[in-house]
Amino acid sequence: DMLKSYQNCCRLSDKDLEDVVSSFDKISGDTFSTELLYKYRNEKAKDVF
């Protein structure tokens, strides 16, 4: 479970959203979280969802 892995490894050391997203990517072995955050910040909501 991704959240359990995150809590065990990274929760106490991550300081901001970028840290959390980076940790999710490391745990999953993919860049999905970073890509989604980029889209959320840079594209219109109707295009993202």
C-alpha atoms as a PDB file:
ATOM      1  CA  ASP A   1       0.000   0.000   0.000  1.00  0.00           C
ATOM      2  CA  MET A   2       1.475   3.291  -1.112  1.00  0.00           C
ATOM      3  CA  LEU A   3       0.309   5.389   1.830  1.00  0.00           C
ATOM      4  CA  LYS A   4       1.638   2.913   4.350  1.00  0.00           C
ATOM      5  CA  SER A   5       5.011   2.892   2.584  1.00  0.00           C
ATOM      6  CA  TYR A   6       5.004   6.687   2.562  1.00  0.00           C
ATOM      7  CA  GLN A   7       4.222   6.889   6.270  1.00  0.00           C
ATOM      8  CA  ASN A   8       7.022   4.465   7.095  1.00  0.00           C
ATOM      9  CA  CYS A   9       9.729   6.095   5.006  1.00  0.00           C
ATOM     10  CA  CYS A  10       9.073   9.721   4.375  1.00  0.00           C
ATOM     11  CA  ARG A  11       6.235  11.341   6.310  1.00  0.00           C
ATOM     12  CA  LEU A  12       8.389  12.894   9.009  1.00  0.00           C
ATOM     13  CA  SER A  13      11.064  14.236   6.670  1.00  0.00           C
ATOM     14  CA  ASP A  14       8.931  15.718   3.878  1.00  0.00           C
ATOM     15  CA  LYS A  15       8.482  19.449   4.378  1.00  0.00           C
ATOM     16  CA  ASP A  16       6.212  20.512   1.518  1.00  0.00           C
ATOM     17  CA  LEU A  17       4.023  19.232  -1.292  1.00  0.00           C
ATOM     18  CA  GLU A  18       6.942  18.847  -3.681  1.00  0.00           C
ATOM     19  CA  ASP A  19       8.677  16.554  -1.173  1.00  0.00           C
ATOM     20  CA  VAL A  20       5.529  14.448  -0.782  1.00  0.00           C
ATOM     21  CA  VAL A  21       5.064  14.148  -4.542  1.00  0.00           C
ATOM     22  CA  SER A  22       8.717  13.239  -5.024  1.00  0.00           C
ATOM     23  CA  SER A  23       8.435  10.564  -2.339  1.00  0.00           C
ATOM     24  CA  PHE A  24       5.327   9.113  -4.006  1.00  0.00           C
ATOM     25  CA  ASP A  25       7.254   8.896  -7.272  1.00  0.00           C
ATOM     26  CA  LYS A  26      10.189   7.149  -5.596  1.00  0.00           C
ATOM     27  CA  ILE A  27       7.898   4.639  -3.897  1.00  0.00           C
ATOM     28  CA  SER A  28       5.932   3.904  -7.065  1.00  0.00           C
ATOM     29  CA  GLY A  29       8.929   3.885  -9.400  1.00  0.00           C
ATOM     30  CA  ASP A  30       7.037   6.212 -11.732  1.00  0.00           C
ATOM     31  CA  THR A  31       6.656   9.954 -12.299  1.00  0.00           C
ATOM     32  CA  PHE A  32       2.849   9.984 -12.273  1.00  0.00           C
ATOM     33  CA  SER A  33       2.581  12.157  -9.142  1.00  0.00           C
ATOM     34  CA  THR A  34       4.974  14.801 -10.457  1.00  0.00           C
ATOM     35  CA  GLU A  35       3.224  14.857 -13.823  1.00  0.00           C
ATOM     36  CA  LEU A  36      -0.197  15.214 -12.203  1.00  0.00           C
ATOM     37  CA  LEU A  37       0.984  18.058  -9.957  1.00  0.00           C
ATOM     38  CA  TYR A  38       2.476  19.841 -12.985  1.00  0.00           C
ATOM     39  CA  LYS A  39      -0.798  19.509 -14.890  1.00  0.00           C
ATOM     40  CA  TYR A  40      -2.786  20.685 -11.872  1.00  0.00           C
ATOM     41  CA  ARG A  41      -0.638  23.799 -11.563  1.00  0.00           C
ATOM     42  CA  ASN A  42      -0.331  24.638 -15.252  1.00  0.00           C
ATOM     43  CA  GLU A  43      -3.465  23.506 -17.055  1.00  0.00           C
ATOM     44  CA  LYS A  44      -7.146  24.303 -16.817  1.00  0.00           C
ATOM     45  CA  ALA A  45      -9.046  21.948 -14.525  1.00  0.00           C
ATOM     46  CA  LYS A  46     -11.383  20.867 -17.314  1.00  0.00           C
ATOM     47  CA  ASP A  47      -8.338  19.670 -19.295  1.00  0.00           C
ATOM     48  CA  VAL A  48      -6.805  17.776 -16.363  1.00  0.00           C
ATOM     49  CA  PHE A  49      -9.922  15.979 -15.169  1.00  0.00           C
END
